[in-house]
Amino acid sequence: MIVLKDIYLFLEEALGIDPKTIKPGSDLFEDFGVFGDDLFELIEVFSENYSVNVDDFLWYFHSPEEASSLFRMIFLPPNKRVSRIPITPDMLVQYANQKCWGLEYPAHEIPNRRWDILLSQLLLITLLIALLIALVVVGVFWLG
């Protein structure tokens, strides 16, 4: 059976957090700044170490994105469409013992496409094409 002390030691090893600063209800994001890729990697290692099925883990309920797009104000990213749910050591103990990510998320709708990212990529491609055209035009005038 997994107990809090096991999770505290896991968090110390995985994140370098002093176990003396961890409480059962500590919020990994608010209290220790674990978010984005760091959170995703932590959940992967947690899953491997404790044989927990995390197929139902939905990152956007627990963490902001690490990067943002130019169009995030128009097309909200997934984490801005839901209320954040903290991840605590208590939860990790429970899920380690259940062997699955047992959180039932509230009903929500996330678009199938990330329009903010698609538009950012389109803008970048357009700028690169414009730069390439400008370089060709300058090269023609310079050589000609």
Protein backbone atom coordinates (compact mmCIF):
# COMPACT_ATOMS: atom_id res chain seq x y z
CA MET A 1 0.00 0.00 0.00
CA ILE A 2 1.30 3.42 -1.00
CA VAL A 3 1.32 6.04 1.78
CA LEU A 4 1.94 9.80 1.82
CA LYS A 5 5.59 9.35 2.78
CA ASP A 6 6.13 7.35 -0.44
CA ILE A 7 4.63 10.17 -2.51
CA TYR A 8 6.65 12.81 -0.66
CA LEU A 9 9.85 10.88 -1.47
CA PHE A 10 8.70 10.46 -5.08
CA LEU A 11 8.12 14.23 -5.37
CA GLU A 12 11.52 14.91 -3.82
CA GLU A 13 13.23 12.59 -6.32
CA ALA A 14 11.22 13.72 -9.35
CA LEU A 15 11.09 17.46 -8.66
CA GLY A 16 13.66 18.19 -5.99
CA ILE A 17 10.99 19.36 -3.55
CA ASP A 18 11.98 19.19 0.12
CA PRO A 19 9.55 16.69 1.72
CA LYS A 20 9.35 18.90 4.80
CA THR A 21 7.56 21.55 2.70
CA ILE A 22 4.94 19.16 1.32
CA LYS A 23 1.52 18.75 2.91
CA PRO A 24 -1.20 16.24 1.98
CA GLY A 25 -3.25 19.02 0.35
CA SER A 26 -0.36 20.88 -1.29
CA ASP A 27 -1.24 22.04 -4.81
CA LEU A 28 1.62 20.99 -7.08
CA PHE A 29 1.00 23.95 -9.40
CA GLU A 30 0.26 26.74 -6.89
CA ASP A 31 2.70 25.65 -4.18
CA PHE A 32 5.58 24.27 -6.25
CA GLY A 33 5.12 25.70 -9.76
CA VAL A 34 4.71 22.33 -11.49
CA PHE A 35 2.94 22.87 -14.82
CA GLY A 36 3.14 22.25 -18.55
CA ASP A 37 5.78 19.77 -19.68
CA ASP A 38 7.07 19.35 -16.12
CA LEU A 39 3.62 18.22 -14.97
CA PHE A 40 3.19 15.92 -17.96
CA GLU A 41 6.59 14.31 -17.31
CA LEU A 42 5.78 13.97 -13.60
CA ILE A 43 2.52 12.17 -14.40
CA GLU A 44 4.36 9.85 -16.83
CA VAL A 45 6.97 8.95 -14.20
CA PHE A 46 4.23 8.57 -11.56
CA SER A 47 2.40 6.20 -13.90
CA GLU A 48 5.55 4.13 -14.50
CA ASN A 49 6.70 4.04 -10.86
CA TYR A 50 3.33 3.06 -9.41
CA SER A 51 1.80 1.20 -12.41
CA VAL A 52 -1.04 3.71 -12.64
CA ASN A 53 -3.16 3.88 -15.78
CA VAL A 54 -3.29 7.59 -16.63
CA ASP A 55 -5.16 7.31 -19.93
CA ASP A 56 -7.97 9.43 -18.45
CA PHE A 57 -5.63 12.23 -17.29
CA LEU A 58 -6.65 15.57 -18.84
CA TRP A 59 -3.76 18.03 -18.50
CA TYR A 60 -5.83 21.14 -19.18
CA PHE A 61 -7.78 20.75 -15.93
CA HIS A 62 -4.57 20.91 -13.92
CA SER A 63 -2.11 23.15 -15.71
CA PRO A 64 -1.72 26.16 -17.95
CA GLU A 65 0.13 25.73 -21.23
CA GLU A 66 3.82 26.50 -21.27
CA ALA A 67 3.62 28.39 -24.55
CA SER A 68 0.89 30.63 -25.84
CA SER A 69 -0.26 31.69 -29.26
CA LEU A 70 -0.99 35.11 -30.73
CA PHE A 71 -4.65 34.18 -31.11
CA ARG A 72 -5.29 32.89 -27.55
CA MET A 73 -7.58 35.84 -26.77
CA ILE A 74 -9.89 34.97 -29.66
CA PHE A 75 -9.69 31.18 -29.40
CA LEU A 76 -9.24 30.17 -25.76
CA PRO A 77 -6.80 27.32 -25.08
CA PRO A 78 -8.24 24.22 -23.37
CA ASN A 79 -7.07 25.19 -19.86
CA LYS A 80 -8.95 28.51 -20.13
CA ARG A 81 -12.21 26.69 -20.98
CA VAL A 82 -12.38 24.71 -17.72
CA SER A 83 -11.93 25.34 -14.00
CA ARG A 84 -8.54 24.25 -12.71
CA ILE A 85 -8.41 21.21 -10.43
CA PRO A 86 -5.33 21.02 -8.18
CA ILE A 87 -3.22 17.87 -8.03
CA THR A 88 -2.24 17.06 -4.46
CA PRO A 89 -0.14 14.36 -2.78
CA ASP A 90 -3.38 12.98 -1.28
CA MET A 91 -4.71 12.45 -4.81
CA LEU A 92 -1.49 10.76 -5.91
CA VAL A 93 -1.68 8.34 -2.96
CA GLN A 94 -5.28 7.51 -3.82
CA TYR A 95 -4.57 6.95 -7.54
CA ALA A 96 -1.38 4.97 -6.83
CA ASN A 97 -3.41 2.59 -4.68
CA GLN A 98 -6.28 2.42 -7.20
CA LYS A 99 -3.79 1.88 -10.07
CA CYS A 100 -5.73 4.34 -12.23
CA TRP A 101 -6.25 8.08 -12.54
CA GLY A 102 -9.63 8.04 -10.83
CA LEU A 103 -10.68 11.65 -11.19
CA GLU A 104 -14.09 12.21 -12.72
CA TYR A 105 -13.81 15.45 -14.63
CA PRO A 106 -16.79 17.81 -14.95
CA ALA A 107 -18.69 17.81 -18.23
CA HIS A 108 -16.92 20.12 -20.69
CA GLU A 109 -16.43 20.79 -24.37
CA ILE A 110 -13.05 21.26 -25.99
CA PRO A 111 -12.93 21.96 -29.75
CA ASN A 112 -11.38 19.25 -31.92
CA ARG A 113 -9.10 21.80 -33.57
CA ARG A 114 -6.79 24.31 -31.94
CA TRP A 115 -7.58 27.34 -34.11
CA ASP A 116 -5.21 29.51 -32.10
CA ILE A 117 -2.29 27.24 -32.97
CA LEU A 118 -3.37 26.72 -36.59
CA LEU A 119 -3.65 30.47 -37.19
CA SER A 120 -0.28 31.08 -35.52
CA GLN A 121 1.32 28.48 -37.78
CA LEU A 122 -0.37 29.99 -40.84
CA LEU A 123 0.91 33.44 -39.88
CA LEU A 124 4.44 32.07 -39.44
CA ILE A 125 4.35 30.32 -42.82
CA THR A 126 3.05 33.51 -44.46
CA LEU A 127 5.85 35.55 -42.91
CA LEU A 128 8.47 33.03 -44.01
CA ILE A 129 7.13 33.06 -47.57
CA ALA A 130 7.13 36.87 -47.57
CA LEU A 131 10.73 36.87 -46.30
CA LEU A 132 11.75 34.38 -48.98
CA ILE A 133 10.10 36.49 -51.68
CA ALA A 134 11.81 39.62 -50.33
CA LEU A 135 15.20 37.87 -50.38
CA VAL A 136 14.65 36.72 -53.97
CA VAL A 137 13.62 40.24 -55.06
CA VAL A 138 16.61 41.82 -53.33
CA GLY A 139 18.90 39.16 -54.82
CA VAL A 140 17.57 39.81 -58.34
CA PHE A 141 18.14 43.57 -58.01
CA TRP A 142 21.51 43.11 -56.39
CA LEU A 143 22.81 40.70 -59.01
CA GLY A 144 21.05 42.33 -61.93
